[in-house]
Amino acid sequence: MKRKLSEAFDQWYGQIGDILQSFQERGMLRNDANPKSMAMFIQSLLNGLHMAWLIDPAGVESGHLLKDISRVLWRDLNQERRAQE
């Protein structure tokens, strides 16, 4: 079971990493971060949000949390913004 889960997550990280790499190539994301590492980070964030939702659905479902997370992630990953700083 652990091997199958590991394979599934590795495949998911690879697919999301490929998408993030294509965003880097188009100048949409900063290019100094590893796409697979970013995919793992995003998945870890989603896993944590899922756990938080299981514990306190109302707290996670408030529109503010996802909006704030999106803003923080995009601000750091956005290539154009990084170039301006």
PDB file of N, CA and C in Angstrom:
ATOM      1  N   MET A   1       0.830  -1.191   0.000  1.00  0.00           N
ATOM      2  CA  MET A   1       0.000   0.000   0.000  1.00  0.00           C
ATOM      3  C   MET A   1       0.879   1.261   0.000  1.00  0.00           C
ATOM      4  N   LYS A   2       1.926   1.236   0.837  1.00  0.00           N
ATOM      5  CA  LYS A   2       2.813   2.398   0.895  1.00  0.00           C
ATOM      6  C   LYS A   2       3.478   2.632  -0.463  1.00  0.00           C
ATOM      7  N   ARG A   3       3.910   1.566  -1.120  1.00  0.00           N
ATOM      8  CA  ARG A   3       4.550   1.700  -2.423  1.00  0.00           C
ATOM      9  C   ARG A   3       3.591   2.293  -3.445  1.00  0.00           C
ATOM     10  N   LYS A   4       2.349   1.807  -3.443  1.00  0.00           N
ATOM     11  CA  LYS A   4       1.360   2.314  -4.398  1.00  0.00           C
ATOM     12  C   LYS A   4       1.069   3.798  -4.142  1.00  0.00           C
ATOM     13  N   LEU A   5       0.942   4.170  -2.872  1.00  0.00           N
ATOM     14  CA  LEU A   5       0.721   5.582  -2.555  1.00  0.00           C
ATOM     15  C   LEU A   5       1.921   6.427  -2.981  1.00  0.00           C
ATOM     16  N   SER A   6       3.114   5.920  -2.721  1.00  0.00           N
ATOM     17  CA  SER A   6       4.323   6.637  -3.118  1.00  0.00           C
ATOM     18  C   SER A   6       4.360   6.835  -4.632  1.00  0.00           C
ATOM     19  N   GLU A   7       4.020   5.806  -5.381  1.00  0.00           N
ATOM     20  CA  GLU A   7       3.999   5.908  -6.843  1.00  0.00           C
ATOM     21  C   GLU A   7       2.957   6.911  -7.314  1.00  0.00           C
ATOM     22  N   ALA A   8       1.780   6.888  -6.677  1.00  0.00           N
ATOM     23  CA  ALA A   8       0.712   7.822  -7.058  1.00  0.00           C
ATOM     24  C   ALA A   8       1.127   9.262  -6.787  1.00  0.00           C
ATOM     25  N   PHE A   9       1.715   9.502  -5.619  1.00  0.00           N
ATOM     26  CA  PHE A   9       2.141  10.861  -5.288  1.00  0.00           C
ATOM     27  C   PHE A   9       3.275  11.303  -6.198  1.00  0.00           C
ATOM     28  N   ASP A  10       4.217  10.401  -6.494  1.00  0.00           N
ATOM     29  CA  ASP A  10       5.317  10.749  -7.382  1.00  0.00           C
ATOM     30  C   ASP A  10       4.797  11.123  -8.764  1.00  0.00           C
ATOM     31  N   GLN A  11       3.805  10.389  -9.239  1.00  0.00           N
ATOM     32  CA  GLN A  11       3.210  10.707 -10.533  1.00  0.00           C
ATOM     33  C   GLN A  11       2.517  12.066 -10.476  1.00  0.00           C
ATOM     34  N   TRP A  12       1.791  12.308  -9.398  1.00  0.00           N
ATOM     35  CA  TRP A  12       1.095  13.589  -9.239  1.00  0.00           C
ATOM     36  C   TRP A  12       2.103  14.728  -9.194  1.00  0.00           C
ATOM     37  N   TYR A  13       3.179  14.573  -8.383  1.00  0.00           N
ATOM     38  CA  TYR A  13       4.197  15.617  -8.305  1.00  0.00           C
ATOM     39  C   TYR A  13       4.808  15.877  -9.679  1.00  0.00           C
ATOM     40  N   GLY A  14       5.041  14.814 -10.430  1.00  0.00           N
ATOM     41  CA  GLY A  14       5.612  14.963 -11.767  1.00  0.00           C
ATOM     42  C   GLY A  14       4.691  15.736 -12.702  1.00  0.00           C
ATOM     43  N   GLN A  15       3.409  15.400 -12.668  1.00  0.00           N
ATOM     44  CA  GLN A  15       2.455  16.084 -13.545  1.00  0.00           C
ATOM     45  C   GLN A  15       2.309  17.553 -13.170  1.00  0.00           C
ATOM     46  N   ILE A  16       2.150  17.824 -11.893  1.00  0.00           N
ATOM     47  CA  ILE A  16       2.026  19.215 -11.456  1.00  0.00           C
ATOM     48  C   ILE A  16       3.339  19.952 -11.698  1.00  0.00           C
ATOM     49  N   GLY A  17       4.457  19.263 -11.452  1.00  0.00           N
ATOM     50  CA  GLY A  17       5.770  19.866 -11.734  1.00  0.00           C
ATOM     51  C   GLY A  17       5.909  20.246 -13.195  1.00  0.00           C
ATOM     52  N   ASP A  18       5.404  19.389 -14.099  1.00  0.00           N
ATOM     53  CA  ASP A  18       5.455  19.704 -15.535  1.00  0.00           C
ATOM     54  C   ASP A  18       4.637  20.952 -15.854  1.00  0.00           C
ATOM     55  N   ILE A  19       3.486  21.067 -15.230  1.00  0.00           N
ATOM     56  CA  ILE A  19       2.647  22.254 -15.436  1.00  0.00           C
ATOM     57  C   ILE A  19       3.369  23.498 -14.924  1.00  0.00           C
ATOM     58  N   LEU A  20       3.949  23.396 -13.724  1.00  0.00           N
ATOM     59  CA  LEU A  20       4.663  24.541 -13.160  1.00  0.00           C
ATOM     60  C   LEU A  20       5.879  24.899 -14.005  1.00  0.00           C
ATOM     61  N   GLN A  21       6.558  23.896 -14.547  1.00  0.00           N
ATOM     62  CA  GLN A  21       7.702  24.162 -15.417  1.00  0.00           C
ATOM     63  C   GLN A  21       7.254  24.901 -16.686  1.00  0.00           C
ATOM     64  N   SER A  22       6.094  24.510 -17.228  1.00  0.00           N
ATOM     65  CA  SER A  22       5.600  25.219 -18.410  1.00  0.00           C
ATOM     66  C   SER A  22       5.257  26.670 -18.061  1.00  0.00           C
ATOM     67  N   PHE A  23       4.756  26.905 -16.842  1.00  0.00           N
ATOM     68  CA  PHE A  23       4.506  28.274 -16.400  1.00  0.00           C
ATOM     69  C   PHE A  23       5.818  29.049 -16.295  1.00  0.00           C
ATOM     70  N   GLN A  24       6.872  28.380 -15.807  1.00  0.00           N
ATOM     71  CA  GLN A  24       8.181  29.028 -15.739  1.00  0.00           C
ATOM     72  C   GLN A  24       8.667  29.406 -17.131  1.00  0.00           C
ATOM     73  N   GLU A  25       8.532  28.490 -18.068  1.00  0.00           N
ATOM     74  CA  GLU A  25       8.995  28.732 -19.438  1.00  0.00           C
ATOM     75  C   GLU A  25       8.252  29.879 -20.093  1.00  0.00           C
ATOM     76  N   ARG A  26       7.009  30.097 -19.689  1.00  0.00           N
ATOM     77  CA  ARG A  26       6.222  31.208 -20.226  1.00  0.00           C
ATOM     78  C   ARG A  26       6.408  32.486 -19.424  1.00  0.00           C
ATOM     79  N   GLY A  27       7.263  32.437 -18.402  1.00  0.00           N
ATOM     80  CA  GLY A  27       7.526  33.622 -17.592  1.00  0.00           C
ATOM     81  C   GLY A  27       6.443  33.931 -16.581  1.00  0.00           C
ATOM     82  N   MET A  28       5.578  32.970 -16.307  1.00  0.00           N
ATOM     83  CA  MET A  28       4.484  33.191 -15.369  1.00  0.00           C
ATOM     84  C   MET A  28       4.885  32.889 -13.922  1.00  0.00           C
ATOM     85  N   LEU A  29       5.911  32.054 -13.730  1.00  0.00           N
ATOM     86  CA  LEU A  29       6.404  31.720 -12.401  1.00  0.00           C
ATOM     87  C   LEU A  29       7.897  31.943 -12.352  1.00  0.00           C
ATOM     88  N   ARG A  30       8.374  32.275 -11.171  1.00  0.00           N
ATOM     89  CA  ARG A  30       9.811  32.467 -10.995  1.00  0.00           C
ATOM     90  C   ARG A  30      10.544  31.210 -11.427  1.00  0.00           C
ATOM     91  N   ASN A  31      11.720  31.372 -11.975  1.00  0.00           N
ATOM     92  CA  ASN A  31      12.438  30.226 -12.523  1.00  0.00           C
ATOM     93  C   ASN A  31      13.574  29.738 -11.638  1.00  0.00           C
ATOM     94  N   ASP A  32      13.682  30.261 -10.428  1.00  0.00           N
ATOM     95  CA  ASP A  32      14.763  29.839  -9.546  1.00  0.00           C
ATOM     96  C   ASP A  32      14.320  28.814  -8.506  1.00  0.00           C
ATOM     97  N   ALA A  33      13.158  28.200  -8.711  1.00  0.00           N
ATOM     98  CA  ALA A  33      12.662  27.161  -7.804  1.00  0.00           C
ATOM     99  C   ALA A  33      12.407  25.890  -8.606  1.00  0.00           C
ATOM    100  N   ASN A  34      12.640  24.761  -7.979  1.00  0.00           N
ATOM    101  CA  ASN A  34      12.444  23.469  -8.620  1.00  0.00           C
ATOM    102  C   ASN A  34      10.945  23.183  -8.742  1.00  0.00           C
ATOM    103  N   PRO A  35      10.447  22.911  -9.956  1.00  0.00           N
ATOM    104  CA  PRO A  35       9.013  22.677 -10.139  1.00  0.00           C
ATOM    105  C   PRO A  35       8.475  21.505  -9.311  1.00  0.00           C
ATOM    106  N   LYS A  36       9.239  20.426  -9.192  1.00  0.00           N
ATOM    107  CA  LYS A  36       8.758  19.290  -8.394  1.00  0.00           C
ATOM    108  C   LYS A  36       8.702  19.659  -6.911  1.00  0.00           C
ATOM    109  N   SER A  37       9.667  20.433  -6.442  1.00  0.00           N
ATOM    110  CA  SER A  37       9.634  20.894  -5.045  1.00  0.00           C
ATOM    111  C   SER A  37       8.416  21.780  -4.795  1.00  0.00           C
ATOM    112  N   MET A  38       8.120  22.663  -5.773  1.00  0.00           N
ATOM    113  CA  MET A  38       6.928  23.509  -5.628  1.00  0.00           C
ATOM    114  C   MET A  38       5.668  22.656  -5.613  1.00  0.00           C
ATOM    115  N   ALA A  39       5.627  21.614  -6.442  1.00  0.00           N
ATOM    116  CA  ALA A  39       4.468  20.722  -6.465  1.00  0.00           C
ATOM    117  C   ALA A  39       4.303  20.022  -5.118  1.00  0.00           C
ATOM    118  N   MET A  40       5.417  19.588  -4.535  1.00  0.00           N
ATOM    119  CA  MET A  40       5.356  18.935  -3.225  1.00  0.00           C
ATOM    120  C   MET A  40       4.889  19.914  -2.150  1.00  0.00           C
ATOM    121  N   PHE A  41       5.355  21.152  -2.242  1.00  0.00           N
ATOM    122  CA  PHE A  41       4.938  22.175  -1.289  1.00  0.00           C
ATOM    123  C   PHE A  41       3.429  22.428  -1.385  1.00  0.00           C
ATOM    124  N   ILE A  42       2.949  22.577  -2.604  1.00  0.00           N
ATOM    125  CA  ILE A  42       1.520  22.832  -2.805  1.00  0.00           C
ATOM    126  C   ILE A  42       0.693  21.658  -2.311  1.00  0.00           C
ATOM    127  N   GLN A  43       1.135  20.425  -2.596  1.00  0.00           N
ATOM    128  CA  GLN A  43       0.411  19.249  -2.121  1.00  0.00           C
ATOM    129  C   GLN A  43       0.409  19.197  -0.594  1.00  0.00           C
ATOM    130  N   SER A  44       1.527  19.527   0.014  1.00  0.00           N
ATOM    131  CA  SER A  44       1.598  19.538   1.481  1.00  0.00           C
ATOM    132  C   SER A  44       0.644  20.577   2.057  1.00  0.00           C
ATOM    133  N   LEU A  45       0.581  21.722   1.422  1.00  0.00           N
ATOM    134  CA  LEU A  45      -0.350  22.763   1.847  1.00  0.00           C
ATOM    135  C   LEU A  45      -1.789  22.273   1.736  1.00  0.00           C
ATOM    136  N   LEU A  46      -2.106  21.629   0.625  1.00  0.00           N
ATOM    137  CA  LEU A  46      -3.459  21.096   0.436  1.00  0.00           C
ATOM    138  C   LEU A  46      -3.777  20.010   1.461  1.00  0.00           C
ATOM    139  N   ASN A  47      -2.798  19.154   1.765  1.00  0.00           N
ATOM    140  CA  ASN A  47      -3.013  18.125   2.782  1.00  0.00           C
ATOM    141  C   ASN A  47      -3.313  18.755   4.137  1.00  0.00           C
ATOM    142  N   GLY A  48      -2.564  19.800   4.476  1.00  0.00           N
ATOM    143  CA  GLY A  48      -2.811  20.495   5.736  1.00  0.00           C
ATOM    144  C   GLY A  48      -4.181  21.155   5.765  1.00  0.00           C
ATOM    145  N   LEU A  49      -4.573  21.737   4.648  1.00  0.00           N
ATOM    146  CA  LEU A  49      -5.906  22.349   4.574  1.00  0.00           C
ATOM    147  C   LEU A  49      -7.001  21.298   4.714  1.00  0.00           C
ATOM    148  N   HIS A  50      -6.769  20.147   4.111  1.00  0.00           N
ATOM    149  CA  HIS A  50      -7.750  19.068   4.226  1.00  0.00           C
ATOM    150  C   HIS A  50      -7.890  18.635   5.679  1.00  0.00           C
ATOM    151  N   MET A  51      -6.775  18.496   6.379  1.00  0.00           N
ATOM    152  CA  MET A  51      -6.822  18.122   7.793  1.00  0.00           C
ATOM    153  C   MET A  51      -7.544  19.192   8.607  1.00  0.00           C
ATOM    154  N   ALA A  52      -7.224  20.449   8.332  1.00  0.00           N
ATOM    155  CA  ALA A  52      -7.887  21.538   9.043  1.00  0.00           C
ATOM    156  C   ALA A  52      -9.388  21.529   8.766  1.00  0.00           C
ATOM    157  N   TRP A  53      -9.771  21.231   7.531  1.00  0.00           N
ATOM    158  CA  TRP A  53     -11.192  21.176   7.181  1.00  0.00           C
ATOM    159  C   TRP A  53     -11.897  20.056   7.937  1.00  0.00           C
ATOM    160  N   LEU A  54     -11.224  18.912   8.070  1.00  0.00           N
ATOM    161  CA  LEU A  54     -11.817  17.807   8.827  1.00  0.00           C
ATOM    162  C   LEU A  54     -12.056  18.197  10.282  1.00  0.00           C
ATOM    163  N   ILE A  55     -11.158  19.000  10.837  1.00  0.00           N
ATOM    164  CA  ILE A  55     -11.259  19.415  12.235  1.00  0.00           C
ATOM    165  C   ILE A  55     -12.239  20.569  12.409  1.00  0.00           C
ATOM    166  N   ASP A  56     -12.187  21.562  11.521  1.00  0.00           N
ATOM    167  CA  ASP A  56     -13.011  22.769  11.638  1.00  0.00           C
ATOM    168  C   ASP A  56     -13.453  23.250  10.264  1.00  0.00           C
ATOM    169  N   PRO A  57     -14.460  22.592   9.673  1.00  0.00           N
ATOM    170  CA  PRO A  57     -14.890  22.943   8.315  1.00  0.00           C
ATOM    171  C   PRO A  57     -15.252  24.418   8.142  1.00  0.00           C
ATOM    172  N   ALA A  58     -15.904  24.993   9.120  1.00  0.00           N
ATOM    173  CA  ALA A  58     -16.328  26.385   8.987  1.00  0.00           C
ATOM    174  C   ALA A  58     -15.129  27.317   8.874  1.00  0.00           C
ATOM    175  N   GLY A  59     -14.060  27.035   9.598  1.00  0.00           N
ATOM    176  CA  GLY A  59     -12.874  27.882   9.551  1.00  0.00           C
ATOM    177  C   GLY A  59     -12.182  27.840   8.199  1.00  0.00           C
ATOM    178  N   VAL A  60     -12.193  26.691   7.558  1.00  0.00           N
ATOM    179  CA  VAL A  60     -11.534  26.539   6.268  1.00  0.00           C
ATOM    180  C   VAL A  60     -12.415  27.056   5.142  1.00  0.00           C
ATOM    181  N   GLU A  61     -13.694  26.904   5.288  1.00  0.00           N
ATOM    182  CA  GLU A  61     -14.601  27.290   4.217  1.00  0.00           C
ATOM    183  C   GLU A  61     -14.827  28.788   4.137  1.00  0.00           C
ATOM    184  N   SER A  62     -14.325  29.529   5.113  1.00  0.00           N
ATOM    185  CA  SER A  62     -14.457  30.976   4.986  1.00  0.00           C
ATOM    186  C   SER A  62     -13.612  31.413   3.794  1.00  0.00           C
ATOM    187  N   GLY A  63     -14.146  32.251   2.960  1.00  0.00           N
ATOM    188  CA  GLY A  63     -13.476  32.670   1.742  1.00  0.00           C
ATOM    189  C   GLY A  63     -12.141  33.358   1.982  1.00  0.00           C
ATOM    190  N   HIS A  64     -11.929  33.866   3.168  1.00  0.00           N
ATOM    191  CA  HIS A  64     -10.710  34.608   3.466  1.00  0.00           C
ATOM    192  C   HIS A  64      -9.467  33.726   3.440  1.00  0.00           C
ATOM    193  N   LEU A  65      -9.553  32.531   3.975  1.00  0.00           N
ATOM    194  CA  LEU A  65      -8.383  31.666   4.084  1.00  0.00           C
ATOM    195  C   LEU A  65      -7.799  31.344   2.717  1.00  0.00           C
ATOM    196  N   LEU A  66      -8.604  30.856   1.815  1.00  0.00           N
ATOM    197  CA  LEU A  66      -8.094  30.498   0.493  1.00  0.00           C
ATOM    198  C   LEU A  66      -7.612  31.720  -0.281  1.00  0.00           C
ATOM    199  N   LYS A  67      -8.304  32.833  -0.118  1.00  0.00           N
ATOM    200  CA  LYS A  67      -7.883  34.066  -0.781  1.00  0.00           C
ATOM    201  C   LYS A  67      -6.520  34.503  -0.268  1.00  0.00           C
ATOM    202  N   ASP A  68      -6.321  34.458   1.035  1.00  0.00           N
ATOM    203  CA  ASP A  68      -5.041  34.859   1.612  1.00  0.00           C
ATOM    204  C   ASP A  68      -3.918  33.917   1.204  1.00  0.00           C
ATOM    205  N   ILE A  69      -4.169  32.619   1.211  1.00  0.00           N
ATOM    206  CA  ILE A  69      -3.157  31.649   0.799  1.00  0.00           C
ATOM    207  C   ILE A  69      -2.778  31.874  -0.657  1.00  0.00           C
ATOM    208  N   SER A  70      -3.760  32.072  -1.506  1.00  0.00           N
ATOM    209  CA  SER A  70      -3.494  32.310  -2.923  1.00  0.00           C
ATOM    210  C   SER A  70      -2.641  33.554  -3.119  1.00  0.00           C
ATOM    211  N   ARG A  71      -2.949  34.592  -2.394  1.00  0.00           N
ATOM    212  CA  ARG A  71      -2.207  35.846  -2.533  1.00  0.00           C
ATOM    213  C   ARG A  71      -0.754  35.658  -2.101  1.00  0.00           C
ATOM    214  N   VAL A  72      -0.528  34.976  -0.999  1.00  0.00           N
ATOM    215  CA  VAL A  72       0.840  34.753  -0.519  1.00  0.00           C
ATOM    216  C   VAL A  72       1.625  33.902  -1.513  1.00  0.00           C
ATOM    217  N   LEU A  73       1.030  32.807  -1.976  1.00  0.00           N
ATOM    218  CA  LEU A  73       1.718  31.942  -2.935  1.00  0.00           C
ATOM    219  C   LEU A  73       2.019  32.685  -4.230  1.00  0.00           C
ATOM    220  N   TRP A  74       1.039  33.366  -4.775  1.00  0.00           N
ATOM    221  CA  TRP A  74       1.230  34.032  -6.062  1.00  0.00           C
ATOM    222  C   TRP A  74       2.265  35.145  -5.958  1.00  0.00           C
ATOM    223  N   ARG A  75       2.248  35.861  -4.843  1.00  0.00           N
ATOM    224  CA  ARG A  75       3.209  36.953  -4.674  1.00  0.00           C
ATOM    225  C   ARG A  75       4.639  36.412  -4.691  1.00  0.00           C
ATOM    226  N   ASP A  76       4.874  35.282  -4.078  1.00  0.00           N
ATOM    227  CA  ASP A  76       6.234  34.748  -4.040  1.00  0.00           C
ATOM    228  C   ASP A  76       6.620  34.032  -5.328  1.00  0.00           C
ATOM    229  N   LEU A  77       5.657  33.401  -5.985  1.00  0.00           N
ATOM    230  CA  LEU A  77       5.973  32.615  -7.172  1.00  0.00           C
ATOM    231  C   LEU A  77       5.907  33.411  -8.473  1.00  0.00           C
ATOM    232  N   ASN A  78       5.316  34.585  -8.439  1.00  0.00           N
ATOM    233  CA  ASN A  78       5.128  35.371  -9.647  1.00  0.00           C
ATOM    234  C   ASN A  78       6.441  35.963 -10.134  1.00  0.00           C
ATOM    235  N   GLN A  79       6.842  35.583 -11.327  1.00  0.00           N
ATOM    236  CA  GLN A  79       8.123  36.019 -11.892  1.00  0.00           C
ATOM    237  C   GLN A  79       8.165  37.531 -12.118  1.00  0.00           C
ATOM    238  N   GLU A  80       7.100  38.105 -12.638  1.00  0.00           N
ATOM    239  CA  GLU A  80       7.096  39.542 -12.936  1.00  0.00           C
ATOM    240  C   GLU A  80       7.268  40.355 -11.669  1.00  0.00           C
ATOM    241  N   ARG A  81       6.572  39.982 -10.611  1.00  0.00           N
ATOM    242  CA  ARG A  81       6.682  40.706  -9.355  1.00  0.00           C
ATOM    243  C   ARG A  81       8.104  40.612  -8.799  1.00  0.00           C
ATOM    244  N   ARG A  82       8.712  39.408  -8.918  1.00  0.00           N
ATOM    245  CA  ARG A  82      10.085  39.223  -8.423  1.00  0.00           C
ATOM    246  C   ARG A  82      11.046  40.114  -9.195  1.00  0.00           C
ATOM    247  N   ALA A  83      10.817  40.265 -10.477  1.00  0.00           N
ATOM    248  CA  ALA A  83      11.711  41.086 -11.311  1.00  0.00           C
ATOM    249  C   ALA A  83      11.618  42.567 -10.913  1.00  0.00           C
ATOM    250  N   GLN A  84      10.448  42.993 -10.457  1.00  0.00           N
ATOM    251  CA  GLN A  84      10.254  44.385 -10.088  1.00  0.00           C
ATOM    252  C   GLN A  84      10.893  44.722  -8.736  1.00  0.00           C
ATOM    253  N   GLU A  85      11.102  43.708  -7.898  1.00  0.00           N
ATOM    254  CA  GLU A  85      11.616  43.965  -6.542  1.00  0.00           C
ATOM    255  C   GLU A  85      13.085  44.134  -6.508  1.00  0.00           C
TER     256      GLU A  85
END
